[in-house]
């Protein structure tokens, strides 16, 4: 599935290698396809003030759209 670039999305699962958790907010900045054919994105990890904390590569199945009934929360990256 291809999402528009610069869309803000939530992670659908924990990514412990990046110290990220399900529900963390990311912004899609580049779409790519791995040599094995799997789709993915480079995504900016967004801080509470909208700043970029990191840019990570994530598979498309680790992303979910934001919903109208969701509430944002904050946590420190350990």
PDB file of N, CA and C in Angstrom:
ATOM      1  N   UNK A   1       0.846  -1.178   0.000  1.00  0.00           N
ATOM      2  CA  UNK A   1       0.000   0.000   0.000  1.00  0.00           C
ATOM      3  C   UNK A   1       0.891   1.241   0.000  1.00  0.00           C
ATOM      4  N   UNK A   2       0.571   2.192  -0.818  1.00  0.00           N
ATOM      5  CA  UNK A   2       1.357   3.422  -0.905  1.00  0.00           C
ATOM      6  C   UNK A   2       0.593   4.553  -0.224  1.00  0.00           C
ATOM      7  N   UNK A   3       1.251   5.201   0.720  1.00  0.00           N
ATOM      8  CA  UNK A   3       0.681   6.348   1.430  1.00  0.00           C
ATOM      9  C   UNK A   3       1.311   7.617   0.867  1.00  0.00           C
ATOM     10  N   UNK A   4       0.607   8.745   0.881  1.00  0.00           N
ATOM     11  CA  UNK A   4       1.192  10.002   0.420  1.00  0.00           C
ATOM     12  C   UNK A   4       2.365  10.423   1.313  1.00  0.00           C
ATOM     13  N   UNK A   5       3.402  10.961   0.691  1.00  0.00           N
ATOM     14  CA  UNK A   5       4.538  11.455   1.470  1.00  0.00           C
ATOM     15  C   UNK A   5       4.101  12.625   2.341  1.00  0.00           C
ATOM     16  N   UNK A   6       4.776  12.794   3.448  1.00  0.00           N
ATOM     17  CA  UNK A   6       4.547  13.841   4.451  1.00  0.00           C
ATOM     18  C   UNK A   6       3.255  13.630   5.237  1.00  0.00           C
ATOM     19  N   UNK A   7       2.698  12.425   5.142  1.00  0.00           N
ATOM     20  CA  UNK A   7       1.550  12.048   5.958  1.00  0.00           C
ATOM     21  C   UNK A   7       2.048  11.661   7.341  1.00  0.00           C
ATOM     22  N   UNK A   8       1.344  12.111   8.372  1.00  0.00           N
ATOM     23  CA  UNK A   8       1.677  11.686   9.736  1.00  0.00           C
ATOM     24  C   UNK A   8       0.890  10.424  10.035  1.00  0.00           C
ATOM     25  N   UNK A   9       1.607   9.441  10.597  1.00  0.00           N
ATOM     26  CA  UNK A   9       1.016   8.143  10.887  1.00  0.00           C
ATOM     27  C   UNK A   9       1.505   7.671  12.253  1.00  0.00           C
ATOM     28  N   UNK A  10       0.918   6.593  12.731  1.00  0.00           N
ATOM     29  CA  UNK A  10       1.348   5.978  13.986  1.00  0.00           C
ATOM     30  C   UNK A  10       2.008   4.644  13.668  1.00  0.00           C
ATOM     31  N   UNK A  11       2.926   4.251  14.515  1.00  0.00           N
ATOM     32  CA  UNK A  11       3.502   2.911  14.384  1.00  0.00           C
ATOM     33  C   UNK A  11       2.474   1.897  14.870  1.00  0.00           C
ATOM     34  N   UNK A  12       2.357   0.800  14.154  1.00  0.00           N
ATOM     35  CA  UNK A  12       1.387  -0.230  14.518  1.00  0.00           C
ATOM     36  C   UNK A  12       1.997  -1.312  15.402  1.00  0.00           C
ATOM     37  N   UNK A  13       3.291  -1.208  15.657  1.00  0.00           N
ATOM     38  CA  UNK A  13       3.975  -2.186  16.520  1.00  0.00           C
ATOM     39  C   UNK A  13       5.245  -1.559  17.087  1.00  0.00           C
ATOM     40  N   UNK A  14       5.762  -2.179  18.123  1.00  0.00           N
ATOM     41  CA  UNK A  14       7.021  -1.738  18.709  1.00  0.00           C
ATOM     42  C   UNK A  14       8.165  -2.012  17.732  1.00  0.00           C
ATOM     43  N   UNK A  15       9.137  -1.105  17.706  1.00  0.00           N
ATOM     44  CA  UNK A  15      10.371  -1.287  16.940  1.00  0.00           C
ATOM     45  C   UNK A  15      11.532  -1.128  17.920  1.00  0.00           C
ATOM     46  N   UNK A  16      11.820  -2.183  18.700  1.00  0.00           N
ATOM     47  CA  UNK A  16      12.811  -2.066  19.775  1.00  0.00           C
ATOM     48  C   UNK A  16      14.209  -1.672  19.305  1.00  0.00           C
ATOM     49  N   UNK A  17      14.572  -2.028  18.087  1.00  0.00           N
ATOM     50  CA  UNK A  17      15.888  -1.649  17.565  1.00  0.00           C
ATOM     51  C   UNK A  17      16.060  -0.145  17.458  1.00  0.00           C
ATOM     52  N   UNK A  18      14.951   0.577  17.378  1.00  0.00           N
ATOM     53  CA  UNK A  18      14.970   2.041  17.313  1.00  0.00           C
ATOM     54  C   UNK A  18      14.466   2.684  18.612  1.00  0.00           C
ATOM     55  N   UNK A  19      14.115   1.865  19.612  1.00  0.00           N
ATOM     56  CA  UNK A  19      13.534   2.325  20.883  1.00  0.00           C
ATOM     57  C   UNK A  19      12.176   3.007  20.661  1.00  0.00           C
ATOM     58  N   UNK A  20      11.435   2.543  19.663  1.00  0.00           N
ATOM     59  CA  UNK A  20      10.126   3.102  19.349  1.00  0.00           C
ATOM     60  C   UNK A  20       9.036   2.129  19.765  1.00  0.00           C
ATOM     61  N   UNK A  21       7.860   2.684  20.075  1.00  0.00           N
ATOM     62  CA  UNK A  21       6.739   1.876  20.541  1.00  0.00           C
ATOM     63  C   UNK A  21       5.521   2.081  19.660  1.00  0.00           C
ATOM     64  N   UNK A  22       4.648   1.080  19.726  1.00  0.00           N
ATOM     65  CA  UNK A  22       3.372   1.171  19.023  1.00  0.00           C
ATOM     66  C   UNK A  22       2.691   2.485  19.418  1.00  0.00           C
ATOM     67  N   UNK A  23       2.175   3.206  18.440  1.00  0.00           N
ATOM     68  CA  UNK A  23       1.496   4.464  18.706  1.00  0.00           C
ATOM     69  C   UNK A  23       2.383   5.694  18.564  1.00  0.00           C
ATOM     70  N   UNK A  24       3.712   5.517  18.491  1.00  0.00           N
ATOM     71  CA  UNK A  24       4.577   6.679  18.291  1.00  0.00           C
ATOM     72  C   UNK A  24       4.262   7.331  16.942  1.00  0.00           C
ATOM     73  N   UNK A  25       4.350   8.643  16.914  1.00  0.00           N
ATOM     74  CA  UNK A  25       3.999   9.429  15.729  1.00  0.00           C
ATOM     75  C   UNK A  25       5.200   9.562  14.795  1.00  0.00           C
ATOM     76  N   UNK A  26       4.961   9.316  13.500  1.00  0.00           N
ATOM     77  CA  UNK A  26       6.002   9.469  12.482  1.00  0.00           C
ATOM     78  C   UNK A  26       5.423  10.220  11.284  1.00  0.00           C
ATOM     79  N   UNK A  27       6.317  10.810  10.487  1.00  0.00           N
ATOM     80  CA  UNK A  27       5.928  11.484   9.239  1.00  0.00           C
ATOM     81  C   UNK A  27       6.685  10.801   8.102  1.00  0.00           C
ATOM     82  N   UNK A  28       5.978  10.357   7.089  1.00  0.00           N
ATOM     83  CA  UNK A  28       6.586   9.651   5.962  1.00  0.00           C
ATOM     84  C   UNK A  28       7.313  10.635   5.058  1.00  0.00           C
ATOM     85  N   UNK A  29       8.583  10.345   4.766  1.00  0.00           N
ATOM     86  CA  UNK A  29       9.363  11.278   3.945  1.00  0.00           C
ATOM     87  C   UNK A  29       9.907  10.653   2.663  1.00  0.00           C
ATOM     88  N   UNK A  30       9.913   9.323   2.569  1.00  0.00           N
ATOM     89  CA  UNK A  30      10.385   8.680   1.344  1.00  0.00           C
ATOM     90  C   UNK A  30       9.813   7.276   1.258  1.00  0.00           C
ATOM     91  N   UNK A  31       9.342   6.899   0.093  1.00  0.00           N
ATOM     92  CA  UNK A  31       8.831   5.551  -0.167  1.00  0.00           C
ATOM     93  C   UNK A  31       9.928   4.764  -0.859  1.00  0.00           C
ATOM     94  N   UNK A  32      10.117   3.500  -0.477  1.00  0.00           N
ATOM     95  CA  UNK A  32      11.112   2.673  -1.158  1.00  0.00           C
ATOM     96  C   UNK A  32      10.662   1.221  -1.172  1.00  0.00           C
ATOM     97  N   UNK A  33      11.241   0.482  -2.081  1.00  0.00           N
ATOM     98  CA  UNK A  33      10.966  -0.946  -2.202  1.00  0.00           C
ATOM     99  C   UNK A  33      12.285  -1.677  -2.034  1.00  0.00           C
ATOM    100  N   UNK A  34      12.300  -2.620  -1.087  1.00  0.00           N
ATOM    101  CA  UNK A  34      13.505  -3.402  -0.797  1.00  0.00           C
ATOM    102  C   UNK A  34      13.779  -4.366  -1.950  1.00  0.00           C
ATOM    103  N   UNK A  35      15.013  -4.859  -2.054  1.00  0.00           N
ATOM    104  CA  UNK A  35      15.338  -5.815  -3.123  1.00  0.00           C
ATOM    105  C   UNK A  35      14.436  -7.059  -3.120  1.00  0.00           C
ATOM    106  N   UNK A  36      13.910  -7.414  -1.950  1.00  0.00           N
ATOM    107  CA  UNK A  36      13.025  -8.585  -1.880  1.00  0.00           C
ATOM    108  C   UNK A  36      11.585  -8.247  -2.259  1.00  0.00           C
ATOM    109  N   UNK A  37      11.322  -6.984  -2.637  1.00  0.00           N
ATOM    110  CA  UNK A  37      10.006  -6.579  -3.088  1.00  0.00           C
ATOM    111  C   UNK A  37       9.104  -5.985  -2.028  1.00  0.00           C
ATOM    112  N   UNK A  38       9.526  -5.999  -0.768  1.00  0.00           N
ATOM    113  CA  UNK A  38       8.707  -5.430   0.302  1.00  0.00           C
ATOM    114  C   UNK A  38       8.762  -3.904   0.274  1.00  0.00           C
ATOM    115  N   UNK A  39       7.600  -3.288   0.495  1.00  0.00           N
ATOM    116  CA  UNK A  39       7.526  -1.829   0.526  1.00  0.00           C
ATOM    117  C   UNK A  39       7.877  -1.308   1.911  1.00  0.00           C
ATOM    118  N   UNK A  40       8.423  -0.100   1.933  1.00  0.00           N
ATOM    119  CA  UNK A  40       8.726   0.544   3.195  1.00  0.00           C
ATOM    120  C   UNK A  40       8.841   2.041   3.014  1.00  0.00           C
ATOM    121  N   UNK A  41       9.118   2.700   4.118  1.00  0.00           N
ATOM    122  CA  UNK A  41       9.238   4.156   4.120  1.00  0.00           C
ATOM    123  C   UNK A  41      10.400   4.586   4.998  1.00  0.00           C
ATOM    124  N   UNK A  42      10.982   5.706   4.651  1.00  0.00           N
ATOM    125  CA  UNK A  42      11.814   6.439   5.587  1.00  0.00           C
ATOM    126  C   UNK A  42      10.840   7.361   6.301  1.00  0.00           C
ATOM    127  N   UNK A  43      10.920   7.367   7.622  1.00  0.00           N
ATOM    128  CA  UNK A  43       9.953   8.129   8.407  1.00  0.00           C
ATOM    129  C   UNK A  43      10.673   8.937   9.472  1.00  0.00           C
ATOM    130  N   UNK A  44      10.255  10.193   9.605  1.00  0.00           N
ATOM    131  CA  UNK A  44      10.767  11.040  10.683  1.00  0.00           C
ATOM    132  C   UNK A  44      10.008  10.687  11.955  1.00  0.00           C
ATOM    133  N   UNK A  45      10.745  10.455  13.019  1.00  0.00           N
ATOM    134  CA  UNK A  45      10.129  10.266  14.335  1.00  0.00           C
ATOM    135  C   UNK A  45       9.916  11.654  14.909  1.00  0.00           C
ATOM    136  N   UNK A  46       8.674  11.972  15.261  1.00  0.00           N
ATOM    137  CA  UNK A  46       8.331  13.326  15.685  1.00  0.00           C
ATOM    138  C   UNK A  46       8.323  13.459  17.198  1.00  0.00           C
ATOM    139  N   UNK A  47       8.922  14.539  17.681  1.00  0.00           N
ATOM    140  CA  UNK A  47       8.900  14.863  19.100  1.00  0.00           C
ATOM    141  C   UNK A  47       7.619  15.585  19.475  1.00  0.00           C
ATOM    142  N   UNK A  48       7.431  15.813  20.749  1.00  0.00           N
ATOM    143  CA  UNK A  48       6.211  16.438  21.267  1.00  0.00           C
ATOM    144  C   UNK A  48       5.993  17.842  20.705  1.00  0.00           C
ATOM    145  N   UNK A  49       7.066  18.525  20.322  1.00  0.00           N
ATOM    146  CA  UNK A  49       6.942  19.876  19.777  1.00  0.00           C
ATOM    147  C   UNK A  49       7.013  19.895  18.254  1.00  0.00           C
ATOM    148  N   UNK A  50       6.874  18.710  17.626  1.00  0.00           N
ATOM    149  CA  UNK A  50       6.883  18.616  16.178  1.00  0.00           C
ATOM    150  C   UNK A  50       8.258  18.507  15.556  1.00  0.00           C
ATOM    151  N   UNK A  51       9.295  18.479  16.378  1.00  0.00           N
ATOM    152  CA  UNK A  51      10.656  18.410  15.867  1.00  0.00           C
ATOM    153  C   UNK A  51      11.008  16.976  15.460  1.00  0.00           C
ATOM    154  N   UNK A  52      11.963  16.850  14.539  1.00  0.00           N
ATOM    155  CA  UNK A  52      12.441  15.541  14.109  1.00  0.00           C
ATOM    156  C   UNK A  52      13.450  15.023  15.120  1.00  0.00           C
ATOM    157  N   UNK A  53      13.176  13.846  15.686  1.00  0.00           N
ATOM    158  CA  UNK A  53      14.102  13.217  16.628  1.00  0.00           C
ATOM    159  C   UNK A  53      15.038  12.242  15.927  1.00  0.00           C
ATOM    160  N   UNK A  54      14.544  11.603  14.870  1.00  0.00           N
ATOM    161  CA  UNK A  54      15.329  10.618  14.127  1.00  0.00           C
ATOM    162  C   UNK A  54      14.621  10.347  12.812  1.00  0.00           C
ATOM    163  N   UNK A  55      15.350   9.745  11.887  1.00  0.00           N
ATOM    164  CA  UNK A  55      14.759   9.245  10.652  1.00  0.00           C
ATOM    165  C   UNK A  55      15.068   7.754  10.605  1.00  0.00           C
ATOM    166  N   UNK A  56      14.033   6.940  10.448  1.00  0.00           N
ATOM    167  CA  UNK A  56      14.183   5.486  10.489  1.00  0.00           C
ATOM    168  C   UNK A  56      13.517   4.870   9.261  1.00  0.00           C
ATOM    169  N   UNK A  57      13.946   3.676   8.903  1.00  0.00           N
ATOM    170  CA  UNK A  57      13.312   2.912   7.834  1.00  0.00           C
ATOM    171  C   UNK A  57      12.326   1.943   8.468  1.00  0.00           C
ATOM    172  N   UNK A  58      11.083   1.948   7.973  1.00  0.00           N
ATOM    173  CA  UNK A  58      10.061   1.064   8.531  1.00  0.00           C
ATOM    174  C   UNK A  58       9.313   0.365   7.398  1.00  0.00           C
ATOM    175  N   UNK A  59       8.927  -0.899   7.612  1.00  0.00           N
ATOM    176  CA  UNK A  59       8.113  -1.582   6.608  1.00  0.00           C
ATOM    177  C   UNK A  59       6.695  -1.025   6.624  1.00  0.00           C
ATOM    178  N   UNK A  60       6.011  -1.121   5.506  1.00  0.00           N
ATOM    179  CA  UNK A  60       4.669  -0.556   5.392  1.00  0.00           C
ATOM    180  C   UNK A  60       3.705  -1.181   6.402  1.00  0.00           C
ATOM    181  N   UNK A  61       3.915  -2.443   6.772  1.00  0.00           N
ATOM    182  CA  UNK A  61       2.994  -3.077   7.719  1.00  0.00           C
ATOM    183  C   UNK A  61       3.228  -2.646   9.165  1.00  0.00           C
ATOM    184  N   UNK A  62       4.201  -1.778   9.393  1.00  0.00           N
ATOM    185  CA  UNK A  62       4.437  -1.227  10.736  1.00  0.00           C
ATOM    186  C   UNK A  62       3.793   0.140  10.897  1.00  0.00           C
ATOM    187  N   UNK A  63       2.958   0.538   9.926  1.00  0.00           N
ATOM    188  CA  UNK A  63       2.333   1.857   9.940  1.00  0.00           C
ATOM    189  C   UNK A  63       0.816   1.729   9.983  1.00  0.00           C
ATOM    190  N   UNK A  64       0.176   2.676  10.657  1.00  0.00           N
ATOM    191  CA  UNK A  64      -1.284   2.743  10.629  1.00  0.00           C
ATOM    192  C   UNK A  64      -1.713   4.203  10.591  1.00  0.00           C
ATOM    193  N   UNK A  65      -2.826   4.430   9.933  1.00  0.00           N
ATOM    194  CA  UNK A  65      -3.360   5.783   9.819  1.00  0.00           C
ATOM    195  C   UNK A  65      -3.847   6.286  11.167  1.00  0.00           C
ATOM    196  N   UNK A  66      -3.781   7.591  11.347  1.00  0.00           N
ATOM    197  CA  UNK A  66      -4.334   8.212  12.545  1.00  0.00           C
ATOM    198  C   UNK A  66      -5.853   8.248  12.424  1.00  0.00           C
ATOM    199  N   UNK A  67      -6.536   8.122  13.563  1.00  0.00           N
ATOM    200  CA  UNK A  67      -7.999   8.117  13.568  1.00  0.00           C
ATOM    201  C   UNK A  67      -8.520   9.330  14.329  1.00  0.00           C
ATOM    202  N   UNK A  68      -9.722   9.746  13.989  1.00  0.00           N
ATOM    203  CA  UNK A  68     -10.330  10.917  14.620  1.00  0.00           C
ATOM    204  C   UNK A  68     -10.557  10.749  16.118  1.00  0.00           C
ATOM    205  N   UNK A  69     -10.723   9.531  16.605  1.00  0.00           N
ATOM    206  CA  UNK A  69     -11.033   9.312  18.018  1.00  0.00           C
ATOM    207  C   UNK A  69      -9.798   9.004  18.864  1.00  0.00           C
ATOM    208  N   UNK A  70      -8.601   9.258  18.340  1.00  0.00           N
ATOM    209  CA  UNK A  70      -7.377   8.977  19.089  1.00  0.00           C
ATOM    210  C   UNK A  70      -6.847  10.234  19.781  1.00  0.00           C
ATOM    211  N   UNK A  71      -6.167  10.007  20.891  1.00  0.00           N
ATOM    212  CA  UNK A  71      -5.545  11.070  21.678  1.00  0.00           C
ATOM    213  C   UNK A  71      -4.046  10.871  21.652  1.00  0.00           C
ATOM    214  N   UNK A  72      -3.293  11.944  21.426  1.00  0.00           N
ATOM    215  CA  UNK A  72      -1.842  11.865  21.468  1.00  0.00           C
ATOM    216  C   UNK A  72      -1.367  11.895  22.910  1.00  0.00           C
ATOM    217  N   UNK A  73      -0.263  11.194  23.173  1.00  0.00           N
ATOM    218  CA  UNK A  73       0.350  11.260  24.503  1.00  0.00           C
ATOM    219  C   UNK A  73       1.851  11.420  24.295  1.00  0.00           C
ATOM    220  N   UNK A  74       2.572  11.681  25.368  1.00  0.00           N
ATOM    221  CA  UNK A  74       4.012  11.881  25.254  1.00  0.00           C
ATOM    222  C   UNK A  74       4.755  10.906  26.156  1.00  0.00           C
ATOM    223  N   UNK A  75       5.988  10.608  25.788  1.00  0.00           N
ATOM    224  CA  UNK A  75       6.880   9.768  26.580  1.00  0.00           C
ATOM    225  C   UNK A  75       8.304  10.144  26.193  1.00  0.00           C
ATOM    226  N   UNK A  76       9.237   9.872  27.068  1.00  0.00           N
ATOM    227  CA  UNK A  76      10.641  10.112  26.762  1.00  0.00           C
ATOM    228  C   UNK A  76      11.206   8.886  26.072  1.00  0.00           C
ATOM    229  N   UNK A  77      12.073   9.093  25.085  1.00  0.00           N
ATOM    230  CA  UNK A  77      12.778   7.970  24.485  1.00  0.00           C
ATOM    231  C   UNK A  77      13.934   7.628  25.398  1.00  0.00           C
ATOM    232  N   UNK A  78      13.920   6.428  25.903  1.00  0.00           N
ATOM    233  CA  UNK A  78      14.952   6.003  26.872  1.00  0.00           C
ATOM    234  C   UNK A  78      16.238   5.649  26.164  1.00  0.00           C
TER     235      UNK A  78
END
